[in-house]
Amino acid sequence: MKHTSRFAACTLALAAVAAWVPAQAQEFKAGFVHTERVFREANTAKAAQAKLEQEFSRRDKELLDQGNALKAANEKFEREAPTLSESQRTTRQRQLVDQDRDFQRKRREFQEDLNLRKSEELTQMGDRVNKVVKQIAEQEKYDIILDQAVYINPKNDITDKVIKALNAAPAK
């Protein structure tokens, strides 16, 4: 008798859950945001990119100039090497190696600094995007917002709303 009452209770509970699930599923609201597009098209993302370009343009030009000068010095050395004495050739080779080492170090430092700043800007941008997505989700009563999916119905794409909200927000 105990098994029968437990079975009946379990059956009743399963029936209640089964009746509840379809009703809840109809109210479930999902959205999608294409974050890569937001990071490409939002004014704040474009401003961050311009800020980085301005911040690093001088060093980038200096590196380009130094690289061109090193290339020219190497070409000059190759042309003049047959007419140089052994000691002159060795001295110039050593100078070129030192210049190249300095150039490689500066280029590596530049790349590390640029990557660090890009990471900082992306983190700030990501925080702002997440805040805007959360606001939209709360205002429009979304149950879930995804940023990656194999397929998404365009009617569920809120990317344009996020970009519009970011563009309307004051810059920080």
N, C-alpha and C. Protein backbone atom coordinates (compact mmCIF):
# COMPACT_ATOMS: atom_id res chain seq x y z
N MET A 1 0.80 -1.18 0.00
CA MET A 1 0.00 0.00 0.00
C MET A 1 0.86 1.26 0.00
N LYS A 2 1.98 1.18 0.71
CA LYS A 2 2.87 2.34 0.73
C LYS A 2 3.37 2.66 -0.67
N HIS A 3 3.70 1.63 -1.44
CA HIS A 3 4.20 1.86 -2.81
C HIS A 3 3.15 2.51 -3.68
N THR A 4 1.93 2.13 -3.53
CA THR A 4 0.85 2.69 -4.33
C THR A 4 0.66 4.17 -4.02
N SER A 5 0.70 4.55 -2.76
CA SER A 5 0.51 5.96 -2.41
C SER A 5 1.71 6.80 -2.84
N ARG A 6 2.91 6.26 -2.74
CA ARG A 6 4.09 6.98 -3.23
C ARG A 6 4.02 7.15 -4.74
N PHE A 7 3.61 6.07 -5.41
CA PHE A 7 3.50 6.12 -6.86
C PHE A 7 2.45 7.15 -7.27
N ALA A 8 1.36 7.18 -6.59
CA ALA A 8 0.30 8.14 -6.88
C ALA A 8 0.79 9.57 -6.63
N ALA A 9 1.53 9.77 -5.54
CA ALA A 9 2.06 11.10 -5.23
C ALA A 9 3.07 11.53 -6.28
N CYS A 10 3.93 10.62 -6.69
CA CYS A 10 4.92 10.95 -7.73
C CYS A 10 4.22 11.24 -9.05
N THR A 11 3.23 10.46 -9.39
CA THR A 11 2.49 10.68 -10.63
C THR A 11 1.80 12.03 -10.61
N LEU A 12 1.19 12.35 -9.49
CA LEU A 12 0.52 13.63 -9.35
C LEU A 12 1.52 14.79 -9.47
N ALA A 13 2.70 14.65 -8.85
CA ALA A 13 3.73 15.69 -8.92
C ALA A 13 4.23 15.85 -10.35
N LEU A 14 4.48 14.74 -11.04
CA LEU A 14 4.94 14.80 -12.43
C LEU A 14 3.88 15.44 -13.32
N ALA A 15 2.63 15.14 -13.09
CA ALA A 15 1.55 15.73 -13.88
C ALA A 15 1.50 17.24 -13.66
N ALA A 16 1.70 17.67 -12.41
CA ALA A 16 1.70 19.11 -12.11
C ALA A 16 2.86 19.81 -12.80
N VAL A 17 4.05 19.19 -12.75
CA VAL A 17 5.23 19.77 -13.41
C VAL A 17 5.02 19.81 -14.92
N ALA A 18 4.46 18.73 -15.46
CA ALA A 18 4.23 18.66 -16.91
C ALA A 18 3.24 19.73 -17.35
N ALA A 19 2.26 20.01 -16.54
CA ALA A 19 1.30 21.06 -16.88
C ALA A 19 1.92 22.44 -16.74
N TRP A 20 2.82 22.60 -15.78
CA TRP A 20 3.45 23.90 -15.51
C TRP A 20 4.49 24.26 -16.57
N VAL A 21 5.28 23.28 -17.01
CA VAL A 21 6.38 23.54 -17.93
C VAL A 21 5.93 24.17 -19.23
N PRO A 22 4.90 23.63 -19.94
CA PRO A 22 4.50 24.29 -21.19
C PRO A 22 4.01 25.72 -20.97
N ALA A 23 3.32 25.96 -19.87
CA ALA A 23 2.83 27.31 -19.59
C ALA A 23 4.01 28.25 -19.39
N GLN A 24 5.02 27.80 -18.69
CA GLN A 24 6.20 28.62 -18.44
C GLN A 24 7.01 28.79 -19.72
N ALA A 25 7.10 27.76 -20.54
CA ALA A 25 7.90 27.81 -21.76
C ALA A 25 7.37 28.87 -22.71
N GLN A 26 6.07 29.10 -22.72
CA GLN A 26 5.49 30.09 -23.60
C GLN A 26 5.87 31.51 -23.16
N GLU A 27 6.17 31.69 -21.90
CA GLU A 27 6.51 33.01 -21.38
C GLU A 27 8.02 33.28 -21.43
N PHE A 28 8.80 32.28 -21.72
CA PHE A 28 10.25 32.41 -21.74
C PHE A 28 10.67 33.33 -22.89
N LYS A 29 11.50 34.31 -22.59
CA LYS A 29 11.93 35.28 -23.59
C LYS A 29 13.44 35.28 -23.67
N ALA A 30 13.96 34.96 -24.84
CA ALA A 30 15.40 34.90 -25.05
C ALA A 30 15.82 35.96 -26.07
N GLY A 31 17.00 36.47 -25.89
CA GLY A 31 17.56 37.44 -26.81
C GLY A 31 18.99 37.09 -27.15
N PHE A 32 19.52 37.75 -28.15
CA PHE A 32 20.88 37.50 -28.61
C PHE A 32 21.56 38.83 -28.89
N VAL A 33 22.82 38.92 -28.51
CA VAL A 33 23.60 40.11 -28.84
C VAL A 33 24.92 39.64 -29.48
N HIS A 34 25.24 40.21 -30.59
CA HIS A 34 26.49 39.89 -31.31
C HIS A 34 27.56 40.84 -30.79
N THR A 35 28.28 40.40 -29.76
CA THR A 35 29.22 41.30 -29.08
C THR A 35 30.35 41.77 -29.99
N GLU A 36 30.80 40.92 -30.89
CA GLU A 36 31.88 41.35 -31.80
C GLU A 36 31.42 42.55 -32.63
N ARG A 37 30.17 42.50 -33.07
CA ARG A 37 29.63 43.62 -33.85
C ARG A 37 29.52 44.87 -32.99
N VAL A 38 29.11 44.71 -31.75
CA VAL A 38 29.02 45.85 -30.83
C VAL A 38 30.40 46.48 -30.67
N PHE A 39 31.42 45.65 -30.47
CA PHE A 39 32.78 46.14 -30.28
C PHE A 39 33.33 46.80 -31.55
N ARG A 40 32.76 46.47 -32.68
CA ARG A 40 33.21 47.06 -33.95
C ARG A 40 32.45 48.34 -34.29
N GLU A 41 31.14 48.37 -33.98
CA GLU A 41 30.29 49.44 -34.50
C GLU A 41 29.90 50.52 -33.50
N ALA A 42 29.94 50.25 -32.23
CA ALA A 42 29.52 51.25 -31.24
C ALA A 42 30.50 52.43 -31.24
N ASN A 43 29.96 53.62 -31.06
CA ASN A 43 30.80 54.82 -31.03
C ASN A 43 31.86 54.76 -29.94
N THR A 44 31.50 54.18 -28.80
CA THR A 44 32.49 54.07 -27.71
C THR A 44 33.65 53.17 -28.11
N ALA A 45 33.36 52.12 -28.88
CA ALA A 45 34.43 51.24 -29.35
C ALA A 45 35.31 51.96 -30.36
N LYS A 46 34.67 52.72 -31.25
CA LYS A 46 35.44 53.49 -32.24
C LYS A 46 36.29 54.55 -31.55
N ALA A 47 35.73 55.18 -30.52
CA ALA A 47 36.48 56.21 -29.78
C ALA A 47 37.67 55.58 -29.06
N ALA A 48 37.48 54.39 -28.51
CA ALA A 48 38.58 53.70 -27.82
C ALA A 48 39.68 53.35 -28.82
N GLN A 49 39.30 52.91 -30.01
CA GLN A 49 40.28 52.58 -31.04
C GLN A 49 41.05 53.84 -31.46
N ALA A 50 40.35 54.93 -31.66
CA ALA A 50 41.00 56.19 -32.04
C ALA A 50 41.95 56.66 -30.93
N LYS A 51 41.52 56.50 -29.69
CA LYS A 51 42.35 56.88 -28.54
C LYS A 51 43.65 56.07 -28.53
N LEU A 52 43.55 54.78 -28.78
CA LEU A 52 44.75 53.93 -28.82
C LEU A 52 45.66 54.32 -29.97
N GLU A 53 45.07 54.58 -31.13
CA GLU A 53 45.88 54.98 -32.28
C GLU A 53 46.63 56.28 -32.00
N GLN A 54 45.93 57.22 -31.39
CA GLN A 54 46.57 58.50 -31.06
C GLN A 54 47.68 58.28 -30.02
N GLU A 55 47.39 57.48 -29.03
CA GLU A 55 48.33 57.24 -27.94
C GLU A 55 49.60 56.55 -28.41
N PHE A 56 49.49 55.67 -29.42
CA PHE A 56 50.63 54.88 -29.85
C PHE A 56 51.19 55.26 -31.21
N SER A 57 50.61 56.25 -31.87
CA SER A 57 51.05 56.59 -33.22
C SER A 57 52.49 57.11 -33.26
N ARG A 58 52.88 57.91 -32.28
CA ARG A 58 54.24 58.47 -32.27
C ARG A 58 55.26 57.33 -32.14
N ARG A 59 55.04 56.43 -31.19
CA ARG A 59 55.98 55.31 -31.00
C ARG A 59 55.99 54.39 -32.22
N ASP A 60 54.83 54.21 -32.84
CA ASP A 60 54.76 53.36 -34.03
C ASP A 60 55.57 53.97 -35.16
N LYS A 61 55.46 55.29 -35.33
CA LYS A 61 56.22 55.97 -36.38
C LYS A 61 57.72 55.90 -36.09
N GLU A 62 58.09 56.09 -34.83
CA GLU A 62 59.51 55.98 -34.45
C GLU A 62 60.06 54.60 -34.78
N LEU A 63 59.28 53.57 -34.47
CA LEU A 63 59.72 52.20 -34.78
C LEU A 63 59.83 51.97 -36.28
N LEU A 64 58.88 52.49 -37.01
CA LEU A 64 58.93 52.36 -38.47
C LEU A 64 60.17 53.05 -39.02
N ASP A 65 60.45 54.26 -38.53
CA ASP A 65 61.64 54.99 -38.97
C ASP A 65 62.92 54.25 -38.59
N GLN A 66 62.95 53.73 -37.36
CA GLN A 66 64.14 52.99 -36.91
C GLN A 66 64.33 51.72 -37.75
N GLY A 67 63.25 51.03 -38.06
CA GLY A 67 63.33 49.82 -38.89
C GLY A 67 63.82 50.14 -40.29
N ASN A 68 63.33 51.24 -40.86
CA ASN A 68 63.79 51.64 -42.20
C ASN A 68 65.26 52.04 -42.18
N ALA A 69 65.69 52.74 -41.13
CA ALA A 69 67.10 53.14 -41.01
C ALA A 69 67.99 51.90 -40.87
N LEU A 70 67.55 50.93 -40.10
CA LEU A 70 68.32 49.70 -39.91
C LEU A 70 68.42 48.93 -41.23
N LYS A 71 67.31 48.88 -41.97
CA LYS A 71 67.33 48.20 -43.27
C LYS A 71 68.30 48.90 -44.22
N ALA A 72 68.26 50.23 -44.25
CA ALA A 72 69.17 50.99 -45.11
C ALA A 72 70.62 50.77 -44.70
N ALA A 73 70.89 50.73 -43.39
CA ALA A 73 72.26 50.50 -42.91
C ALA A 73 72.73 49.10 -43.30
N ASN A 74 71.86 48.13 -43.23
CA ASN A 74 72.22 46.76 -43.64
C ASN A 74 72.53 46.70 -45.13
N GLU A 75 71.70 47.38 -45.94
CA GLU A 75 71.93 47.39 -47.39
C GLU A 75 73.24 48.09 -47.72
N LYS A 76 73.51 49.19 -47.03
CA LYS A 76 74.77 49.92 -47.25
C LYS A 76 75.96 49.04 -46.89
N PHE A 77 75.84 48.34 -45.76
CA PHE A 77 76.91 47.44 -45.32
C PHE A 77 77.16 46.36 -46.37
N GLU A 78 76.08 45.77 -46.91
CA GLU A 78 76.22 44.71 -47.92
C GLU A 78 76.94 45.24 -49.17
N ARG A 79 76.64 46.46 -49.54
CA ARG A 79 77.29 47.05 -50.72
C ARG A 79 78.78 47.33 -50.44
N GLU A 80 79.07 47.82 -49.24
CA GLU A 80 80.44 48.26 -48.94
C GLU A 80 81.31 47.16 -48.36
N ALA A 81 80.73 46.06 -47.92
CA ALA A 81 81.49 45.00 -47.24
C ALA A 81 82.71 44.52 -48.03
N PRO A 82 82.61 44.32 -49.33
CA PRO A 82 83.79 43.81 -50.06
C PRO A 82 84.99 44.77 -50.02
N THR A 83 84.74 46.06 -49.85
CA THR A 83 85.84 47.03 -49.87
C THR A 83 86.36 47.36 -48.47
N LEU A 84 85.72 46.83 -47.42
CA LEU A 84 86.13 47.14 -46.05
C LEU A 84 87.20 46.17 -45.58
N SER A 85 88.01 46.65 -44.65
CA SER A 85 89.00 45.76 -44.04
C SER A 85 88.25 44.82 -43.09
N GLU A 86 88.90 43.76 -42.67
CA GLU A 86 88.30 42.77 -41.78
C GLU A 86 87.84 43.42 -40.47
N SER A 87 88.66 44.28 -39.89
CA SER A 87 88.29 44.93 -38.62
C SER A 87 87.11 45.89 -38.81
N GLN A 88 87.09 46.62 -39.92
CA GLN A 88 85.98 47.52 -40.19
C GLN A 88 84.67 46.73 -40.38
N ARG A 89 84.78 45.63 -41.12
CA ARG A 89 83.61 44.77 -41.35
C ARG A 89 83.08 44.23 -40.02
N THR A 90 83.96 43.76 -39.17
CA THR A 90 83.57 43.21 -37.87
C THR A 90 82.92 44.28 -37.00
N THR A 91 83.51 45.48 -36.99
CA THR A 91 82.97 46.58 -36.19
C THR A 91 81.57 46.96 -36.68
N ARG A 92 81.40 47.09 -37.99
CA ARG A 92 80.09 47.46 -38.55
C ARG A 92 79.06 46.37 -38.32
N GLN A 93 79.48 45.11 -38.43
CA GLN A 93 78.55 44.01 -38.17
C GLN A 93 78.07 44.05 -36.72
N ARG A 94 78.99 44.29 -35.80
CA ARG A 94 78.65 44.37 -34.39
C ARG A 94 77.69 45.53 -34.13
N GLN A 95 77.93 46.66 -34.78
CA GLN A 95 77.03 47.82 -34.64
C GLN A 95 75.63 47.49 -35.16
N LEU A 96 75.57 46.82 -36.31
CA LEU A 96 74.28 46.45 -36.88
C LEU A 96 73.53 45.46 -35.99
N VAL A 97 74.26 44.51 -35.42
CA VAL A 97 73.64 43.54 -34.51
C VAL A 97 73.09 44.27 -33.27
N ASP A 98 73.88 45.20 -32.73
CA ASP A 98 73.42 45.98 -31.56
C ASP A 98 72.19 46.82 -31.91
N GLN A 99 72.21 47.45 -33.07
CA GLN A 99 71.06 48.25 -33.50
C GLN A 99 69.82 47.37 -33.69
N ASP A 100 70.02 46.20 -34.27
CA ASP A 100 68.91 45.29 -34.49
C ASP A 100 68.34 44.80 -33.14
N ARG A 101 69.21 44.49 -32.21
CA ARG A 101 68.78 44.04 -30.89
C ARG A 101 67.97 45.14 -30.19
N ASP A 102 68.44 46.38 -30.29
CA ASP A 102 67.73 47.51 -29.71
C ASP A 102 66.36 47.69 -30.39
N PHE A 103 66.35 47.57 -31.69
CA PHE A 103 65.09 47.69 -32.44
C PHE A 103 64.10 46.60 -32.03
N GLN A 104 64.57 45.37 -31.95
CA GLN A 104 63.68 44.25 -31.57
C GLN A 104 63.14 44.44 -30.15
N ARG A 105 63.98 44.93 -29.24
CA ARG A 105 63.54 45.18 -27.86
C ARG A 105 62.46 46.25 -27.83
N LYS A 106 62.69 47.35 -28.55
CA LYS A 106 61.70 48.44 -28.59
C LYS A 106 60.39 47.97 -29.23
N ARG A 107 60.49 47.16 -30.26
CA ARG A 107 59.28 46.66 -30.92
C ARG A 107 58.50 45.73 -30.00
N ARG A 108 59.22 44.89 -29.27
CA ARG A 108 58.58 43.98 -28.31
C ARG A 108 57.89 44.77 -27.18
N GLU A 109 58.59 45.78 -26.65
CA GLU A 109 58.01 46.62 -25.59
C GLU A 109 56.78 47.37 -26.11
N PHE A 110 56.87 47.88 -27.33
CA PHE A 110 55.74 48.57 -27.94
C PHE A 110 54.54 47.63 -28.03
N GLN A 111 54.76 46.42 -28.53
CA GLN A 111 53.67 45.46 -28.69
C GLN A 111 53.06 45.07 -27.35
N GLU A 112 53.91 44.90 -26.33
CA GLU A 112 53.41 44.57 -24.99
C GLU A 112 52.57 45.72 -24.42
N ASP A 113 53.06 46.94 -24.58
CA ASP A 113 52.31 48.11 -24.09
C ASP A 113 50.99 48.26 -24.82
N LEU A 114 51.02 48.08 -26.13
CA LEU A 114 49.81 48.20 -26.94
C LEU A 114 48.79 47.12 -26.53
N ASN A 115 49.25 45.89 -26.37
CA ASN A 115 48.35 44.80 -25.98
C ASN A 115 47.75 45.05 -24.59
N LEU A 116 48.55 45.58 -23.68
CA LEU A 116 48.05 45.89 -22.35
C LEU A 116 46.96 46.95 -22.41
N ARG A 117 47.21 48.00 -23.16
CA ARG A 117 46.22 49.08 -23.28
C ARG A 117 44.96 48.61 -23.99
N LYS A 118 45.13 47.78 -25.03
CA LYS A 118 43.96 47.23 -25.72
C LYS A 118 43.13 46.41 -24.75
N SER A 119 43.79 45.63 -23.95
CA SER A 119 43.11 44.80 -22.96
C SER A 119 42.34 45.68 -21.97
N GLU A 120 42.96 46.76 -21.51
CA GLU A 120 42.29 47.68 -20.59
C GLU A 120 41.05 48.29 -21.24
N GLU A 121 41.19 48.75 -22.47
CA GLU A 121 40.07 49.36 -23.17
C GLU A 121 38.96 48.34 -23.43
N LEU A 122 39.33 47.11 -23.81
CA LEU A 122 38.33 46.07 -24.03
C LEU A 122 37.59 45.72 -22.75
N THR A 123 38.30 45.70 -21.64
CA THR A 123 37.66 45.40 -20.35
C THR A 123 36.65 46.49 -20.01
N GLN A 124 37.05 47.74 -20.17
CA GLN A 124 36.12 48.85 -19.90
C GLN A 124 34.91 48.77 -20.82
N MET A 125 35.17 48.52 -22.09
CA MET A 125 34.08 48.43 -23.07
C MET A 125 33.18 47.24 -22.72
N GLY A 126 33.77 46.13 -22.37
CA GLY A 126 32.99 44.95 -22.01
C GLY A 126 32.09 45.20 -20.81
N ASP A 127 32.61 45.92 -19.82
CA ASP A 127 31.81 46.27 -18.66
C ASP A 127 30.61 47.13 -19.06
N ARG A 128 30.85 48.10 -19.93
CA ARG A 128 29.76 48.98 -20.38
C ARG A 128 28.73 48.19 -21.19
N VAL A 129 29.20 47.32 -22.07
CA VAL A 129 28.29 46.51 -22.88
C VAL A 129 27.44 45.62 -21.97
N ASN A 130 28.07 44.96 -21.00
CA ASN A 130 27.33 44.09 -20.09
C ASN A 130 26.28 44.87 -19.31
N LYS A 131 26.62 46.08 -18.90
CA LYS A 131 25.68 46.92 -18.15
C LYS A 131 24.47 47.27 -19.03
N VAL A 132 24.73 47.64 -20.28
CA VAL A 132 23.65 48.00 -21.20
C VAL A 132 22.78 46.77 -21.51
N VAL A 133 23.41 45.63 -21.73
CA VAL A 133 22.65 44.41 -22.02
C VAL A 133 21.76 44.06 -20.83
N LYS A 134 22.31 44.19 -19.64
CA LYS A 134 21.52 43.90 -18.44
C LYS A 134 20.33 44.86 -18.32
N GLN A 135 20.55 46.14 -18.61
CA GLN A 135 19.46 47.12 -18.56
C GLN A 135 18.36 46.76 -19.56
N ILE A 136 18.75 46.42 -20.77
CA ILE A 136 17.77 46.05 -21.79
C ILE A 136 17.03 44.79 -21.37
N ALA A 137 17.76 43.82 -20.85
CA ALA A 137 17.13 42.57 -20.41
C ALA A 137 16.10 42.83 -19.31
N GLU A 138 16.44 43.70 -18.38
CA GLU A 138 15.51 44.00 -17.29
C GLU A 138 14.32 44.81 -17.79
N GLN A 139 14.57 45.80 -18.64
CA GLN A 139 13.48 46.65 -19.15
C GLN A 139 12.50 45.86 -20.01
N GLU A 140 13.03 44.98 -20.83
CA GLU A 140 12.18 44.25 -21.78
C GLU A 140 11.86 42.84 -21.30
N LYS A 141 12.22 42.54 -20.06
CA LYS A 141 11.89 41.28 -19.40
C LYS A 141 12.38 40.04 -20.16
N TYR A 142 13.66 40.07 -20.53
CA TYR A 142 14.28 38.89 -21.13
C TYR A 142 14.67 37.94 -20.01
N ASP A 143 14.51 36.64 -20.26
CA ASP A 143 14.94 35.63 -19.30
C ASP A 143 16.41 35.30 -19.49
N ILE A 144 16.88 35.43 -20.71
CA ILE A 144 18.27 35.11 -21.02
C ILE A 144 18.70 35.90 -22.25
N ILE A 145 19.95 36.35 -22.23
CA ILE A 145 20.57 37.00 -23.38
C ILE A 145 21.83 36.21 -23.67
N LEU A 146 21.96 35.74 -24.90
CA LEU A 146 23.12 34.96 -25.32
C LEU A 146 24.02 35.82 -26.20
N ASP A 147 25.31 35.49 -26.20
CA ASP A 147 26.20 36.21 -27.11
C ASP A 147 26.85 35.27 -28.12
N GLN A 148 26.55 33.98 -28.05
CA GLN A 148 27.04 33.03 -29.05
C GLN A 148 25.96 32.00 -29.27
N ALA A 149 25.70 31.69 -30.52
CA ALA A 149 24.71 30.68 -30.84
C ALA A 149 24.99 30.18 -32.25
N VAL A 150 24.61 28.95 -32.51
CA VAL A 150 24.76 28.39 -33.84
C VAL A 150 23.76 29.06 -34.78
N TYR A 151 22.56 29.26 -34.28
CA TYR A 151 21.53 29.94 -35.07
C TYR A 151 20.71 30.81 -34.13
N ILE A 152 20.31 31.95 -34.62
CA ILE A 152 19.42 32.83 -33.86
C ILE A 152 18.45 33.47 -34.84
N ASN A 153 17.19 33.48 -34.46
CA ASN A 153 16.18 34.13 -35.27
C ASN A 153 16.44 35.64 -35.18
N PRO A 154 16.49 36.33 -36.29
CA PRO A 154 16.79 37.77 -36.27
C PRO A 154 15.85 38.59 -35.38
N LYS A 155 14.64 38.12 -35.17
CA LYS A 155 13.72 38.88 -34.31
C LYS A 155 14.19 38.89 -32.86
N ASN A 156 15.07 37.98 -32.48
CA ASN A 156 15.59 37.90 -31.11
C ASN A 156 16.94 38.62 -30.95
N ASP A 157 17.44 39.20 -32.04
CA ASP A 157 18.74 39.88 -32.02
C ASP A 157 18.56 41.29 -31.47
N ILE A 158 19.21 41.58 -30.34
CA ILE A 158 19.12 42.91 -29.72
C ILE A 158 20.39 43.72 -29.93
N THR A 159 21.25 43.28 -30.83
CA THR A 159 22.52 43.96 -31.06
C THR A 159 22.33 45.43 -31.41
N ASP A 160 21.39 45.74 -32.30
CA ASP A 160 21.16 47.13 -32.68
C ASP A 160 20.70 47.96 -31.49
N LYS A 161 19.89 47.38 -30.62
CA LYS A 161 19.43 48.08 -29.41
C LYS A 161 20.61 48.40 -28.50
N VAL A 162 21.53 47.45 -28.37
CA VAL A 162 22.70 47.64 -27.51
C VAL A 162 23.59 48.74 -28.09
N ILE A 163 23.84 48.69 -29.39
CA ILE A 163 24.68 49.72 -30.02
C ILE A 163 24.02 51.10 -29.88
N LYS A 164 22.70 51.17 -30.10
CA LYS A 164 21.99 52.43 -29.98
C LYS A 164 22.07 52.96 -28.54
N ALA A 165 21.91 52.09 -27.55
CA ALA A 165 21.98 52.50 -26.14
C ALA A 165 23.39 52.96 -25.78
N LEU A 166 24.40 52.27 -26.27
CA LEU A 166 25.79 52.68 -26.01
C LEU A 166 26.08 54.03 -26.65
N ASN A 167 25.60 54.22 -27.86
CA ASN A 167 25.84 55.48 -28.55
C ASN A 167 25.11 56.64 -27.89
N ALA A 168 23.99 56.35 -27.26
CA ALA A 168 23.21 57.40 -26.59
C ALA A 168 23.76 57.75 -25.22
N ALA A 169 24.49 56.81 -24.62
CA ALA A 169 25.05 57.03 -23.27
C ALA A 169 26.20 58.02 -23.35
N PRO A 170 26.35 58.86 -22.31
CA PRO A 170 27.48 59.79 -22.30
C PRO A 170 28.79 59.02 -22.19
N ALA A 171 29.81 59.51 -22.86
CA ALA A 171 31.14 58.87 -22.84
C ALA A 171 31.74 58.99 -21.44
N LYS A 172 32.46 57.94 -21.06
CA LYS A 172 33.10 57.93 -19.75
C LYS A 172 34.60 57.89 -19.90
